[in-house]
C-alpha atoms as a PDB file:
ATOM      1  CA  UNK A   1     -48.457-240.741  -1.754  1.00  0.00           C
ATOM      2  CA  UNK A   2     -46.554-238.925  -4.489  1.00  0.00           C
ATOM      3  CA  UNK A   3     -46.779-240.037  -8.117  1.00  0.00           C
ATOM      4  CA  UNK A   4     -44.099-242.432  -9.404  1.00  0.00           C
ATOM      5  CA  UNK A   5     -41.160-241.215 -11.469  1.00  0.00           C
ATOM      6  CA  UNK A   6     -42.062-241.049 -15.144  1.00  0.00           C
ATOM      7  CA  UNK A   7     -40.591-243.726 -17.416  1.00  0.00           C
ATOM      8  CA  UNK A   8     -41.022-241.641 -20.571  1.00  0.00           C
ATOM      9  CA  UNK A   9     -40.829-237.892 -21.129  1.00  0.00           C
ATOM     10  CA  UNK A  10     -44.202-236.397 -20.224  1.00  0.00           C
ATOM     11  CA  UNK A  11     -43.642-233.343 -22.390  1.00  0.00           C
ATOM     12  CA  UNK A  12     -42.779-235.249 -25.590  1.00  0.00           C
ATOM     13  CA  UNK A  13     -45.664-237.663 -25.060  1.00  0.00           C
ATOM     14  CA  UNK A  14     -48.181-234.926 -24.270  1.00  0.00           C
ATOM     15  CA  UNK A  15     -47.177-232.635 -27.124  1.00  0.00           C
ATOM     16  CA  UNK A  16     -46.072-235.059 -29.862  1.00  0.00           C
ATOM     17  CA  UNK A  17     -47.109-238.555 -28.688  1.00  0.00           C
ATOM     18  CA  UNK A  18     -43.462-239.650 -28.943  1.00  0.00           C
ATOM     19  CA  UNK A  19     -42.388-242.059 -26.149  1.00  0.00           C
ATOM     20  CA  UNK A  20     -38.891-240.838 -25.255  1.00  0.00           C
ATOM     21  CA  UNK A  21     -37.509-243.149 -22.513  1.00  0.00           C
ATOM     22  CA  UNK A  22     -35.898-241.425 -19.541  1.00  0.00           C
ATOM     23  CA  UNK A  23     -34.439-244.410 -17.662  1.00  0.00           C
ATOM     24  CA  UNK A  24     -33.216-247.946 -18.200  1.00  0.00           C
ATOM     25  CA  UNK A  25     -31.642-249.671 -21.182  1.00  0.00           C
ATOM     26  CA  UNK A  26     -34.115-248.148 -23.629  1.00  0.00           C
ATOM     27  CA  UNK A  27     -32.786-244.678 -22.784  1.00  0.00           C
ATOM     28  CA  UNK A  28     -29.136-245.510 -23.633  1.00  0.00           C
ATOM     29  CA  UNK A  29     -29.360-244.812 -27.406  1.00  0.00           C
ATOM     30  CA  UNK A  30     -31.106-241.505 -26.682  1.00  0.00           C
ATOM     31  CA  UNK A  31     -28.394-240.457 -24.226  1.00  0.00           C
ATOM     32  CA  UNK A  32     -25.795-240.995 -26.930  1.00  0.00           C
ATOM     33  CA  UNK A  33     -27.487-238.074 -28.724  1.00  0.00           C
ATOM     34  CA  UNK A  34     -27.635-235.931 -25.590  1.00  0.00           C
ATOM     35  CA  UNK A  35     -31.285-236.694 -24.802  1.00  0.00           C
ATOM     36  CA  UNK A  36     -31.610-237.199 -21.052  1.00  0.00           C
ATOM     37  CA  UNK A  37     -33.795-236.050 -18.141  1.00  0.00           C
ATOM     38  CA  UNK A  38     -34.037-232.267 -17.856  1.00  0.00           C
ATOM     39  CA  UNK A  39     -32.599-230.452 -14.855  1.00  0.00           C
ATOM     40  CA  UNK A  40     -35.726-228.276 -14.732  1.00  0.00           C
ATOM     41  CA  UNK A  41     -37.940-231.333 -14.295  1.00  0.00           C
ATOM     42  CA  UNK A  42     -36.572-234.900 -14.630  1.00  0.00           C
ATOM     43  CA  UNK A  43     -39.974-236.116 -15.851  1.00  0.00           C
ATOM     44  CA  UNK A  44     -39.263-234.169 -19.056  1.00  0.00           C
ATOM     45  CA  UNK A  45     -36.204-234.431 -21.301  1.00  0.00           C
ATOM     46  CA  UNK A  46     -33.589-232.127 -22.799  1.00  0.00           C
ATOM     47  CA  UNK A  47     -35.581-232.005 -26.050  1.00  0.00           C
ATOM     48  CA  UNK A  48     -38.384-230.271 -24.120  1.00  0.00           C
ATOM     49  CA  UNK A  49     -35.810-228.045 -22.441  1.00  0.00           C
ATOM     50  CA  UNK A  50     -34.374-227.007 -25.819  1.00  0.00           C
ATOM     51  CA  UNK A  51     -37.826-226.359 -27.274  1.00  0.00           C
ATOM     52  CA  UNK A  52     -38.773-224.395 -24.154  1.00  0.00           C
ATOM     53  CA  UNK A  53     -35.670-222.209 -24.455  1.00  0.00           C
ATOM     54  CA  UNK A  54     -36.094-221.544 -28.187  1.00  0.00           C
ATOM     55  CA  UNK A  55     -39.774-220.699 -27.895  1.00  0.00           C
ATOM     56  CA  UNK A  56     -39.177-218.369 -24.971  1.00  0.00           C
ATOM     57  CA  UNK A  57     -36.380-216.561 -26.817  1.00  0.00           C
ATOM     58  CA  UNK A  58     -38.693-216.009 -29.757  1.00  0.00           C
ATOM     59  CA  UNK A  59     -41.639-214.495 -27.945  1.00  0.00           C
ATOM     60  CA  UNK A  60     -43.264-213.833 -24.596  1.00  0.00           C
ATOM     61  CA  UNK A  61     -46.154-216.217 -24.073  1.00  0.00           C
ATOM     62  CA  UNK A  62     -49.160-215.625 -21.763  1.00  0.00           C
ATOM     63  CA  UNK A  63     -49.991-218.882 -19.964  1.00  0.00           C
ATOM     64  CA  UNK A  64     -52.480-219.771 -17.237  1.00  0.00           C
ATOM     65  CA  UNK A  65     -50.349-221.124 -14.386  1.00  0.00           C
ATOM     66  CA  UNK A  66     -50.026-221.598 -10.669  1.00  0.00           C
ATOM     67  CA  UNK A  67     -46.941-220.062  -9.053  1.00  0.00           C
ATOM     68  CA  UNK A  68     -45.486-221.391  -5.795  1.00  0.00           C
ATOM     69  CA  UNK A  69     -42.890-219.706  -3.598  1.00  0.00           C
ATOM     70  CA  UNK A  70     -41.358-221.541  -0.622  1.00  0.00           C
ATOM     71  CA  UNK A  71     -38.974-219.949   1.875  1.00  0.00           C
ATOM     72  CA  UNK A  72     -36.806-221.553   4.565  1.00  0.00           C
ATOM     73  CA  UNK A  73     -37.526-219.630   7.755  1.00  0.00           C
ATOM     74  CA  UNK A  74     -34.733-218.709  10.130  1.00  0.00           C
ATOM     75  CA  UNK A  75     -31.942-219.443   7.667  1.00  0.00           C
ATOM     76  CA  UNK A  76     -30.123-216.143   8.287  1.00  0.00           C
ATOM     77  CA  UNK A  77     -30.132-216.694  12.052  1.00  0.00           C
ATOM     78  CA  UNK A  78     -29.027-220.287  11.624  1.00  0.00           C
ATOM     79  CA  UNK A  79     -26.078-219.230   9.489  1.00  0.00           C
ATOM     80  CA  UNK A  80     -24.779-217.341  12.544  1.00  0.00           C
ATOM     81  CA  UNK A  81     -25.056-220.275  14.950  1.00  0.00           C
ATOM     82  CA  UNK A  82     -24.220-223.378  12.895  1.00  0.00           C
ATOM     83  CA  UNK A  83     -20.910-224.491  11.346  1.00  0.00           C
ATOM     84  CA  UNK A  84     -20.616-223.574   7.647  1.00  0.00           C
ATOM     85  CA  UNK A  85     -20.846-227.216   6.581  1.00  0.00           C
ATOM     86  CA  UNK A  86     -24.084-227.674   8.514  1.00  0.00           C
ATOM     87  CA  UNK A  87     -25.573-224.507   7.003  1.00  0.00           C
ATOM     88  CA  UNK A  88     -24.643-225.631   3.499  1.00  0.00           C
ATOM     89  CA  UNK A  89     -26.116-229.083   4.119  1.00  0.00           C
ATOM     90  CA  UNK A  90     -29.329-227.532   5.428  1.00  0.00           C
ATOM     91  CA  UNK A  91     -29.790-225.394   2.315  1.00  0.00           C
ATOM     92  CA  UNK A  92     -28.975-228.315   0.023  1.00  0.00           C
ATOM     93  CA  UNK A  93     -31.522-230.464   1.842  1.00  0.00           C
ATOM     94  CA  UNK A  94     -34.168-227.734   1.522  1.00  0.00           C
ATOM     95  CA  UNK A  95     -33.563-227.425  -2.228  1.00  0.00           C
ATOM     96  CA  UNK A  96     -33.617-231.207  -2.664  1.00  0.00           C
ATOM     97  CA  UNK A  97     -36.872-231.701  -0.762  1.00  0.00           C
ATOM     98  CA  UNK A  98     -38.571-228.822  -2.579  1.00  0.00           C
ATOM     99  CA  UNK A  99     -37.395-230.078  -5.967  1.00  0.00           C
ATOM    100  CA  UNK A 100     -38.599-233.624  -5.311  1.00  0.00           C
ATOM    101  CA  UNK A 101     -42.044-232.453  -4.177  1.00  0.00           C
ATOM    102  CA  UNK A 102     -42.411-230.036  -7.108  1.00  0.00           C
ATOM    103  CA  UNK A 103     -41.330-232.619  -9.676  1.00  0.00           C
ATOM    104  CA  UNK A 104     -43.580-235.296  -8.174  1.00  0.00           C
ATOM    105  CA  UNK A 105     -46.522-233.046  -9.049  1.00  0.00           C
ATOM    106  CA  UNK A 106     -45.242-232.100 -12.528  1.00  0.00           C
ATOM    107  CA  UNK A 107     -44.113-228.599 -11.596  1.00  0.00           C
ATOM    108  CA  UNK A 108     -41.140-226.755 -13.038  1.00  0.00           C
ATOM    109  CA  UNK A 109     -38.462-225.653 -10.574  1.00  0.00           C
ATOM    110  CA  UNK A 110     -37.804-222.268 -12.171  1.00  0.00           C
ATOM    111  CA  UNK A 111     -35.547-220.569  -9.626  1.00  0.00           C
ATOM    112  CA  UNK A 112     -33.628-220.959  -6.403  1.00  0.00           C
ATOM    113  CA  UNK A 113     -33.285-217.527  -4.788  1.00  0.00           C
ATOM    114  CA  UNK A 114     -31.126-217.547  -1.677  1.00  0.00           C
ATOM    115  CA  UNK A 115     -33.171-219.542   0.838  1.00  0.00           C
ATOM    116  CA  UNK A 116     -36.302-219.577  -1.379  1.00  0.00           C
ATOM    117  CA  UNK A 117     -37.542-221.464  -4.433  1.00  0.00           C
ATOM    118  CA  UNK A 118     -40.010-220.538  -7.185  1.00  0.00           C
ATOM    119  CA  UNK A 119     -42.018-223.201  -9.013  1.00  0.00           C
ATOM    120  CA  UNK A 120     -44.410-223.076 -11.970  1.00  0.00           C
ATOM    121  CA  UNK A 121     -47.292-225.475 -12.583  1.00  0.00           C
ATOM    122  CA  UNK A 122     -48.971-226.000 -15.973  1.00  0.00           C
ATOM    123  CA  UNK A 123     -45.870-225.241 -18.037  1.00  0.00           C
ATOM    124  CA  UNK A 124     -44.312-226.949 -19.894  1.00  0.00           C
ATOM    125  CA  UNK A 125     -46.337-229.991 -18.734  1.00  0.00           C
ATOM    126  CA  UNK A 126     -50.018-229.030 -19.071  1.00  0.00           C
ATOM    127  CA  UNK A 127     -52.207-229.819 -16.066  1.00  0.00           C
ATOM    128  CA  UNK A 128     -55.961-229.103 -15.935  1.00  0.00           C
ATOM    129  CA  UNK A 129     -55.763-229.184 -12.121  1.00  0.00           C
ATOM    130  CA  UNK A 130     -52.552-227.172 -11.789  1.00  0.00           C
ATOM    131  CA  UNK A 131     -53.794-225.213  -8.759  1.00  0.00           C
ATOM    132  CA  UNK A 132     -54.527-228.465  -6.941  1.00  0.00           C
ATOM    133  CA  UNK A 133     -51.149-229.859  -7.990  1.00  0.00           C
ATOM    134  CA  UNK A 134     -49.412-226.782  -6.580  1.00  0.00           C
ATOM    135  CA  UNK A 135     -51.223-227.172  -3.234  1.00  0.00           C
ATOM    136  CA  UNK A 136     -50.365-230.884  -3.101  1.00  0.00           C
ATOM    137  CA  UNK A 137     -46.725-230.062  -3.823  1.00  0.00           C
ATOM    138  CA  UNK A 138     -46.752-227.436  -1.055  1.00  0.00           C
ATOM    139  CA  UNK A 139     -48.092-229.969   1.443  1.00  0.00           C
ATOM    140  CA  UNK A 140     -45.431-232.445   0.346  1.00  0.00           C
ATOM    141  CA  UNK A 141     -42.719-229.803   0.794  1.00  0.00           C
ATOM    142  CA  UNK A 142     -43.928-229.226   4.349  1.00  0.00           C
ATOM    143  CA  UNK A 143     -44.004-232.960   5.080  1.00  0.00           C
ATOM    144  CA  UNK A 144     -40.531-233.557   3.695  1.00  0.00           C
ATOM    145  CA  UNK A 145     -38.972-230.536   5.411  1.00  0.00           C
ATOM    146  CA  UNK A 146     -40.541-231.513   8.727  1.00  0.00           C
ATOM    147  CA  UNK A 147     -38.792-234.886   8.538  1.00  0.00           C
ATOM    148  CA  UNK A 148     -35.485-233.150   7.796  1.00  0.00           C
ATOM    149  CA  UNK A 149     -36.099-230.729  10.642  1.00  0.00           C
ATOM    150  CA  UNK A 150     -36.513-233.526  13.188  1.00  0.00           C
ATOM    151  CA  UNK A 151     -33.176-234.983  12.124  1.00  0.00           C
ATOM    152  CA  UNK A 152     -31.379-231.645  12.350  1.00  0.00           C
ATOM    153  CA  UNK A 153     -32.885-230.840  15.742  1.00  0.00           C
ATOM    154  CA  UNK A 154     -31.724-234.199  17.053  1.00  0.00           C
ATOM    155  CA  UNK A 155     -28.180-233.456  15.847  1.00  0.00           C
ATOM    156  CA  UNK A 156     -28.147-229.849  17.146  1.00  0.00           C
ATOM    157  CA  UNK A 157     -29.784-229.676  20.551  1.00  0.00           C
ATOM    158  CA  UNK A 158     -29.476-225.902  20.860  1.00  0.00           C
ATOM    159  CA  UNK A 159     -31.862-225.197  17.998  1.00  0.00           C
ATOM    160  CA  UNK A 160     -35.558-224.422  18.255  1.00  0.00           C
ATOM    161  CA  UNK A 161     -38.112-226.004  15.932  1.00  0.00           C
ATOM    162  CA  UNK A 162     -39.363-222.609  14.766  1.00  0.00           C
ATOM    163  CA  UNK A 163     -35.953-221.850  13.287  1.00  0.00           C
ATOM    164  CA  UNK A 164     -36.342-224.488  10.604  1.00  0.00           C
ATOM    165  CA  UNK A 165     -39.866-224.035   9.287  1.00  0.00           C
ATOM    166  CA  UNK A 166     -41.031-223.313   5.747  1.00  0.00           C
ATOM    167  CA  UNK A 167     -43.495-220.641   4.608  1.00  0.00           C
ATOM    168  CA  UNK A 168     -45.279-221.091   1.280  1.00  0.00           C
ATOM    169  CA  UNK A 169     -47.450-218.857  -0.926  1.00  0.00           C
ATOM    170  CA  UNK A 170     -49.397-219.822  -4.082  1.00  0.00           C
ATOM    171  CA  UNK A 171     -51.399-217.863  -6.657  1.00  0.00           C
ATOM    172  CA  UNK A 172     -53.045-218.859  -9.950  1.00  0.00           C
ATOM    173  CA  UNK A 173     -53.578-216.721 -13.031  1.00  0.00           C
ATOM    174  CA  UNK A 174     -51.965-215.534 -16.241  1.00  0.00           C
ATOM    175  CA  UNK A 175     -48.200-215.051 -16.343  1.00  0.00           C
ATOM    176  CA  UNK A 176     -45.995-213.933 -19.205  1.00  0.00           C
ATOM    177  CA  UNK A 177     -43.078-216.226 -20.067  1.00  0.00           C
ATOM    178  CA  UNK A 178     -39.964-215.074 -21.808  1.00  0.00           C
ATOM    179  CA  UNK A 179     -36.373-213.981 -21.496  1.00  0.00           C
ATOM    180  CA  UNK A 180     -36.242-210.759 -19.506  1.00  0.00           C
ATOM    181  CA  UNK A 181     -33.349-208.387 -18.852  1.00  0.00           C
ATOM    182  CA  UNK A 182     -30.570-207.010 -21.013  1.00  0.00           C
ATOM    183  CA  UNK A 183     -27.187-207.456 -19.361  1.00  0.00           C
ATOM    184  CA  UNK A 184     -28.365-210.728 -17.836  1.00  0.00           C
ATOM    185  CA  UNK A 185     -31.067-212.663 -19.708  1.00  0.00           C
ATOM    186  CA  UNK A 186     -33.317-214.598 -17.378  1.00  0.00           C
ATOM    187  CA  UNK A 187     -35.813-217.196 -18.605  1.00  0.00           C
ATOM    188  CA  UNK A 188     -38.782-216.909 -16.251  1.00  0.00           C
ATOM    189  CA  UNK A 189     -42.375-215.807 -15.680  1.00  0.00           C
ATOM    190  CA  UNK A 190     -43.501-212.323 -14.703  1.00  0.00           C
ATOM    191  CA  UNK A 191     -46.790-210.664 -13.866  1.00  0.00           C
ATOM    192  CA  UNK A 192     -49.128-209.954 -10.942  1.00  0.00           C
ATOM    193  CA  UNK A 193     -49.632-213.686 -10.283  1.00  0.00           C
ATOM    194  CA  UNK A 194     -45.891-214.056  -9.588  1.00  0.00           C
ATOM    195  CA  UNK A 195     -45.786-210.984  -7.354  1.00  0.00           C
ATOM    196  CA  UNK A 196     -48.858-212.047  -5.376  1.00  0.00           C
ATOM    197  CA  UNK A 197     -47.519-215.560  -4.797  1.00  0.00           C
ATOM    198  CA  UNK A 198     -44.232-214.096  -3.530  1.00  0.00           C
ATOM    199  CA  UNK A 199     -46.061-211.688  -1.188  1.00  0.00           C
ATOM    200  CA  UNK A 200     -48.323-214.480   0.087  1.00  0.00           C
ATOM    201  CA  UNK A 201     -45.218-216.493   0.921  1.00  0.00           C
ATOM    202  CA  UNK A 202     -43.781-213.529   2.818  1.00  0.00           C
ATOM    203  CA  UNK A 203     -47.033-213.240   4.811  1.00  0.00           C
ATOM    204  CA  UNK A 204     -47.153-216.951   5.638  1.00  0.00           C
ATOM    205  CA  UNK A 205     -46.086-218.018   9.098  1.00  0.00           C
ATOM    206  CA  UNK A 206     -43.638-220.810   9.828  1.00  0.00           C
ATOM    207  CA  UNK A 207     -45.042-224.099   8.472  1.00  0.00           C
ATOM    208  CA  UNK A 208     -47.984-222.243   6.905  1.00  0.00           C
ATOM    209  CA  UNK A 209     -49.289-222.408   3.332  1.00  0.00           C
ATOM    210  CA  UNK A 210     -51.243-219.347   2.177  1.00  0.00           C
ATOM    211  CA  UNK A 211     -53.104-219.397  -1.157  1.00  0.00           C
ATOM    212  CA  UNK A 212     -55.168-216.783  -2.948  1.00  0.00           C
ATOM    213  CA  UNK A 213     -58.876-216.947  -3.664  1.00  0.00           C
ATOM    214  CA  UNK A 214     -58.076-217.959  -7.252  1.00  0.00           C
ATOM    215  CA  UNK A 215     -56.289-221.050  -5.936  1.00  0.00           C
ATOM    216  CA  UNK A 216     -59.079-221.773  -3.461  1.00  0.00           C
ATOM    217  CA  UNK A 217     -61.733-221.616  -6.181  1.00  0.00           C
ATOM    218  CA  UNK A 218     -59.776-223.909  -8.490  1.00  0.00           C
ATOM    219  CA  UNK A 219     -58.440-226.416  -5.972  1.00  0.00           C
ATOM    220  CA  UNK A 220     -61.621-226.583  -3.881  1.00  0.00           C
ATOM    221  CA  UNK A 221     -62.326-226.965  -0.153  1.00  0.00           C
ATOM    222  CA  UNK A 222     -60.998-230.533  -0.033  1.00  0.00           C
ATOM    223  CA  UNK A 223     -57.463-229.183  -0.489  1.00  0.00           C
ATOM    224  CA  UNK A 224     -57.839-225.656   0.916  1.00  0.00           C
ATOM    225  CA  UNK A 225     -59.721-225.977   4.195  1.00  0.00           C
ATOM    226  CA  UNK A 226     -58.889-222.664   5.856  1.00  0.00           C
ATOM    227  CA  UNK A 227     -61.239-219.683   5.886  1.00  0.00           C
ATOM    228  CA  UNK A 228     -60.188-216.656   3.869  1.00  0.00           C
ATOM    229  CA  UNK A 229     -59.137-213.412   5.496  1.00  0.00           C
ATOM    230  CA  UNK A 230     -57.750-210.149   4.187  1.00  0.00           C
ATOM    231  CA  UNK A 231     -54.014-209.477   4.256  1.00  0.00           C
ATOM    232  CA  UNK A 232     -52.160-206.244   3.605  1.00  0.00           C
ATOM    233  CA  UNK A 233     -49.394-207.347   1.255  1.00  0.00           C
ATOM    234  CA  UNK A 234     -46.344-205.209   0.526  1.00  0.00           C
ATOM    235  CA  UNK A 235     -46.535-203.469  -2.839  1.00  0.00           C
ATOM    236  CA  UNK A 236     -50.230-204.333  -3.380  1.00  0.00           C
ATOM    237  CA  UNK A 237     -52.687-201.503  -2.696  1.00  0.00           C
ATOM    238  CA  UNK A 238     -55.913-203.396  -1.984  1.00  0.00           C
ATOM    239  CA  UNK A 239     -56.124-206.110   0.697  1.00  0.00           C
ATOM    240  CA  UNK A 240     -55.717-209.633  -0.683  1.00  0.00           C
ATOM    241  CA  UNK A 241     -57.863-212.502   0.577  1.00  0.00           C
ATOM    242  CA  UNK A 242     -55.712-215.481   1.490  1.00  0.00           C
ATOM    243  CA  UNK A 243     -56.624-218.974   2.666  1.00  0.00           C
ATOM    244  CA  UNK A 244     -54.585-221.360   4.794  1.00  0.00           C
ATOM    245  CA  UNK A 245     -54.166-224.714   3.080  1.00  0.00           C
END
């Protein structure tokens, strides 16, 4: 079962021990000053979002994180066979289910990229077990998307189940946060951990979660039960050992 929605901002409480209410009557005076749940993670507030943005503009920060990439399989093919409204609804549902699962486990939904999402765990909300939280979020994404898939298949009899699966990749390690780019400034994380997570996602089969050895060692065999095997990942010279979660 996923954790309950936070009543106060986790970031403000963790960093400053200030109980900023996010919901209910107690939050009304704060909203008058523009303090409300953040769009990046509704368990944090816009104060955290502002601090996050200012800090990242000032300097690039190395942080130990877990990076998750999730991709909706078969989306391109589906866009050719479904009405535009159905395709749009499918993508919206995928984003919604991913966001809910990521936020339930205190992750930051950093990007939506076409039919994929990128999430960061352990920033800005610090989590000692961020690798485990990323794996739990991945499992929740799969569970939620499977329920959506059954509904869509029932409404569109010509579809196959394999057309609506999700592939997920996760890696843990040090990433650099900051604003990158010149013409277009993008607030995000970069580094080998991001690249490896993206490549692991690309290697994952439909409905499969592949994690690196770093994730396996941190999360433990209770969460990552698959045996490791070597994968040749695009853009990475040496084989990478991945585990099925």
